[in-house]
Amino acid sequence: MISVIIVDDHAVLRKGLIQILEEHSDVYSIDEVSSGDELLEKVKKQQYDVIVLDISMQGTDGITTLKKLKKQNISSRVLAFSMYPEDQYAIRLLKAGAMGYLNKECSPDEFLKAVNRVAKGNKYISPELAEMLLKSVEIDGAPLHDSLSDREFQVMCMVAKGKSPTAISSELGLSINTVSTYRIRILEKLNLKNTAEITHYAIKNRLVE
């Protein structure tokens, strides 16, 4: 049996993924939680072969959750699952320790293929992402946000979603001064002037909803 836990703050989406897996109940054992914080508590007591982890959740987001899993030396393999375009998030998440990246618009067959591949310890990227990566090798220049560190990227996305410095510091476990420092670095690296321009940049580049 392959043990899988679905981590997503949308109940309808969780149920849909569970239904796909339950069609093969002789292959998968299935669990679910609605937040990164719930997952971090769960894995203290039980190990899973595959964690299907939504990237954009209320509270502790997927990127932060992934980093905390790695810090806790959790052996479960993570399949990042997101509505965001693969070209914007996938490489960053794979570098952070995810074993695969899948867009929420994927077919049920592709979802099962990704889960099975990750369960075996192999990385999974879609054919579309593989093609993007090949093309990117041939194209000079990269988006400005590629120059951001993972933490700066997280703060940028949270600022773009309208979260206050206090909320960001609480969610990421940082001081407000540190959050302000990250914001200044983001403005400098992206050649922006204020928070409104950060929001505009993130939306234009499809980094936030």
Protein backbone atom coordinates (compact mmCIF):
# COMPACT_ATOMS: atom_id res chain seq x y z
CA MET A 1 0.00 0.00 0.00
CA ILE A 2 1.11 3.54 -0.78
CA SER A 3 0.14 5.90 2.05
CA VAL A 4 -0.91 9.33 0.80
CA ILE A 5 -2.01 12.45 2.67
CA ILE A 6 -3.76 15.31 0.88
CA VAL A 7 -2.99 18.79 2.25
CA ASP A 8 -5.28 21.51 0.92
CA ASP A 9 -7.50 24.14 2.50
CA HIS A 10 -10.30 23.56 -0.03
CA ALA A 11 -12.50 20.67 1.10
CA VAL A 12 -14.03 20.10 -2.35
CA LEU A 13 -10.61 19.70 -3.95
CA ARG A 14 -9.44 17.33 -1.19
CA LYS A 15 -12.52 15.16 -1.69
CA GLY A 16 -11.95 15.10 -5.44
CA LEU A 17 -8.38 13.86 -5.08
CA ILE A 18 -9.43 11.32 -2.47
CA GLN A 19 -12.12 10.02 -4.83
CA ILE A 20 -9.51 9.50 -7.56
CA LEU A 21 -7.31 7.53 -5.17
CA GLU A 22 -10.22 5.55 -3.72
CA GLU A 23 -10.92 4.09 -7.15
CA HIS A 24 -7.73 2.12 -6.47
CA SER A 25 -8.35 1.34 -2.79
CA ASP A 26 -6.21 -1.77 -3.03
CA VAL A 27 -3.19 0.43 -3.84
CA TYR A 28 -3.54 3.52 -1.64
CA SER A 29 -4.27 4.32 1.99
CA ILE A 30 -5.50 7.89 2.22
CA ASP A 31 -5.54 10.67 4.81
CA GLU A 32 -6.29 14.39 4.63
CA VAL A 33 -5.70 17.68 6.47
CA SER A 34 -6.71 21.24 5.69
CA SER A 35 -3.54 23.13 6.63
CA GLY A 36 0.22 22.99 6.83
CA ASP A 37 0.07 23.24 10.61
CA GLU A 38 -2.20 20.18 10.83
CA LEU A 39 0.19 18.26 8.59
CA LEU A 40 3.20 19.13 10.73
CA GLU A 41 1.38 17.72 13.76
CA LYS A 42 0.26 14.60 11.88
CA VAL A 43 3.72 13.63 10.66
CA LYS A 44 5.02 13.64 14.22
CA LYS A 45 2.90 10.55 14.83
CA GLN A 46 2.59 8.93 11.41
CA GLN A 47 4.73 8.71 8.30
CA TYR A 48 3.35 8.85 4.77
CA ASP A 49 4.89 7.75 1.51
CA VAL A 50 3.59 10.79 -0.37
CA ILE A 51 2.41 14.21 0.81
CA VAL A 52 0.33 16.00 -1.82
CA LEU A 53 0.90 19.58 -0.70
CA ASP A 54 -1.02 22.63 -1.86
CA ILE A 55 1.30 25.63 -2.17
CA SER A 56 -1.16 28.46 -1.53
CA MET A 57 -3.00 27.91 1.76
CA GLN A 58 -4.28 30.15 4.52
CA GLY A 59 -1.94 30.27 7.52
CA THR A 60 1.29 28.39 6.96
CA ASP A 61 1.72 28.22 3.18
CA GLY A 62 3.08 25.27 1.26
CA ILE A 63 6.59 26.61 0.80
CA THR A 64 6.98 27.26 4.52
CA THR A 65 5.48 23.85 5.31
CA LEU A 66 7.92 22.17 2.92
CA LYS A 67 10.87 23.84 4.59
CA LYS A 68 9.63 22.82 8.05
CA LEU A 69 9.21 19.21 6.90
CA LYS A 70 12.81 19.18 5.73
CA LYS A 71 13.99 20.75 8.97
CA GLN A 72 12.18 18.01 10.92
CA ASN A 73 13.89 15.37 8.71
CA ILE A 74 10.53 13.96 7.62
CA SER A 75 11.21 11.19 5.11
CA SER A 76 7.87 11.51 3.31
CA ARG A 77 8.17 12.57 -0.32
CA VAL A 78 6.37 15.77 -1.26
CA LEU A 79 4.38 16.30 -4.45
CA ALA A 80 3.68 20.02 -4.74
CA PHE A 81 0.20 20.68 -6.09
CA SER A 82 -0.74 24.18 -7.16
CA MET A 83 -2.93 26.31 -9.39
CA TYR A 84 0.05 28.53 -10.17
CA PRO A 85 1.88 28.17 -13.50
CA GLU A 86 4.67 25.63 -13.48
CA ASP A 87 7.22 28.01 -14.96
CA GLN A 88 6.85 30.36 -11.98
CA TYR A 89 6.98 27.97 -9.02
CA ALA A 90 8.17 24.50 -9.97
CA ILE A 91 11.93 24.99 -10.04
CA ARG A 92 11.93 26.90 -6.76
CA LEU A 93 9.93 24.15 -5.06
CA LEU A 94 12.03 21.33 -6.47
CA LYS A 95 15.13 23.10 -5.17
CA ALA A 96 13.43 23.43 -1.78
CA GLY A 97 13.02 19.66 -1.59
CA ALA A 98 9.79 18.73 -3.36
CA MET A 99 9.99 15.52 -5.42
CA GLY A 100 7.50 16.73 -7.98
CA TYR A 101 5.26 19.56 -9.11
CA LEU A 102 1.78 19.23 -10.57
CA ASN A 103 -0.70 21.85 -11.75
CA LYS A 104 -4.26 21.52 -10.42
CA GLU A 105 -5.58 21.46 -13.99
CA CYS A 106 -3.96 18.07 -14.55
CA SER A 107 -5.99 14.99 -15.49
CA PRO A 108 -6.75 12.22 -12.96
CA ASP A 109 -4.41 9.90 -14.87
CA GLU A 110 -1.55 12.38 -14.62
CA PHE A 111 -2.24 12.85 -10.91
CA LEU A 112 -1.99 9.10 -10.29
CA LYS A 113 1.13 8.87 -12.44
CA ALA A 114 2.79 11.64 -10.42
CA VAL A 115 1.85 10.09 -7.06
CA ASN A 116 3.18 6.69 -8.11
CA ARG A 117 6.44 8.10 -9.47
CA VAL A 118 7.10 10.18 -6.35
CA ALA A 119 6.23 7.21 -4.11
CA LYS A 120 9.05 5.28 -5.79
CA GLY A 121 11.53 8.05 -4.98
CA ASN A 122 11.64 9.52 -8.48
CA LYS A 123 11.10 13.16 -9.35
CA TYR A 124 8.06 14.12 -11.39
CA ILE A 125 7.58 17.04 -13.73
CA SER A 126 4.98 17.28 -16.45
CA PRO A 127 5.93 17.06 -20.12
CA GLU A 128 4.93 20.73 -20.44
CA LEU A 129 7.35 21.78 -17.72
CA ALA A 130 10.12 19.64 -19.20
CA GLU A 131 9.64 21.46 -22.49
CA MET A 132 9.71 24.84 -20.73
CA LEU A 133 12.98 23.94 -19.03
CA LEU A 134 14.55 22.96 -22.32
CA LYS A 135 13.44 26.21 -23.91
CA SER A 136 14.69 28.26 -20.97
CA VAL A 137 18.21 26.99 -21.59
CA GLU A 138 18.07 28.59 -25.01
CA ILE A 139 16.66 31.93 -23.89
CA ASP A 140 18.84 34.67 -22.45
CA GLY A 141 17.56 36.53 -19.43
CA ALA A 142 15.34 35.46 -16.55
CA PRO A 143 12.50 37.20 -14.70
CA LEU A 144 13.66 39.58 -12.00
CA HIS A 145 12.00 37.54 -9.24
CA ASP A 146 14.40 34.67 -9.97
CA SER A 147 17.01 36.79 -8.21
CA LEU A 148 15.03 36.67 -4.94
CA SER A 149 15.96 34.22 -2.21
CA ASP A 150 13.25 31.75 -1.19
CA ARG A 151 12.44 33.83 1.87
CA GLU A 152 12.30 37.06 -0.15
CA PHE A 153 10.04 35.32 -2.65
CA GLN A 154 7.70 34.21 0.16
CA VAL A 155 7.56 37.71 1.64
CA MET A 156 6.93 39.23 -1.80
CA CYS A 157 3.94 36.92 -2.40
CA MET A 158 2.54 37.63 1.05
CA VAL A 159 2.93 41.39 0.60
CA ALA A 160 1.23 41.10 -2.79
CA LYS A 161 -1.71 39.31 -1.14
CA GLY A 162 -2.16 42.31 1.15
CA LYS A 163 -0.79 40.78 4.35
CA SER A 164 0.54 43.24 6.92
CA PRO A 165 4.14 43.17 8.23
CA THR A 166 2.73 41.94 11.57
CA ALA A 167 0.88 39.05 9.92
CA ILE A 168 3.92 38.11 7.82
CA SER A 169 6.25 38.18 10.83
CA SER A 170 3.85 35.95 12.77
CA GLU A 171 3.38 33.39 9.98
CA LEU A 172 7.07 33.15 9.09
CA GLY A 173 8.44 33.46 12.62
CA LEU A 174 10.40 36.61 11.81
CA SER A 175 10.69 39.97 13.54
CA ILE A 176 8.88 42.91 11.97
CA ASN A 177 12.26 44.57 11.37
CA THR A 178 13.43 41.51 9.43
CA VAL A 179 10.25 41.56 7.33
CA SER A 180 10.88 45.25 6.59
CA THR A 181 14.44 44.43 5.55
CA TYR A 182 13.18 41.75 3.17
CA ARG A 183 10.68 44.21 1.71
CA ILE A 184 13.45 46.72 1.04
CA ARG A 185 15.56 44.03 -0.68
CA ILE A 186 12.57 43.01 -2.80
CA LEU A 187 11.99 46.59 -3.93
CA GLU A 188 15.66 46.95 -4.81
CA LYS A 189 15.97 43.66 -6.70
CA LEU A 190 12.75 44.16 -8.66
CA ASN A 191 13.36 47.87 -9.30
CA LEU A 192 10.07 48.79 -7.66
CA LYS A 193 9.07 51.77 -5.54
CA ASN A 194 6.29 50.66 -3.17
CA THR A 195 3.92 47.94 -2.05
CA ALA A 196 1.40 48.72 -4.79
CA GLU A 197 4.07 48.05 -7.40
CA ILE A 198 4.98 44.75 -5.69
CA THR A 199 1.33 43.70 -5.94
CA HIS A 200 1.13 44.75 -9.58
CA TYR A 201 4.35 42.88 -10.41
CA ALA A 202 3.18 39.69 -8.69
CA ILE A 203 -0.19 39.73 -10.46
CA LYS A 204 1.37 40.53 -13.84
CA ASN A 205 3.77 37.61 -13.47
CA ARG A 206 1.01 35.27 -12.24
CA LEU A 207 2.66 34.73 -8.87
CA VAL A 208 -0.51 35.31 -6.83
CA GLU A 209 -4.21 34.92 -7.47
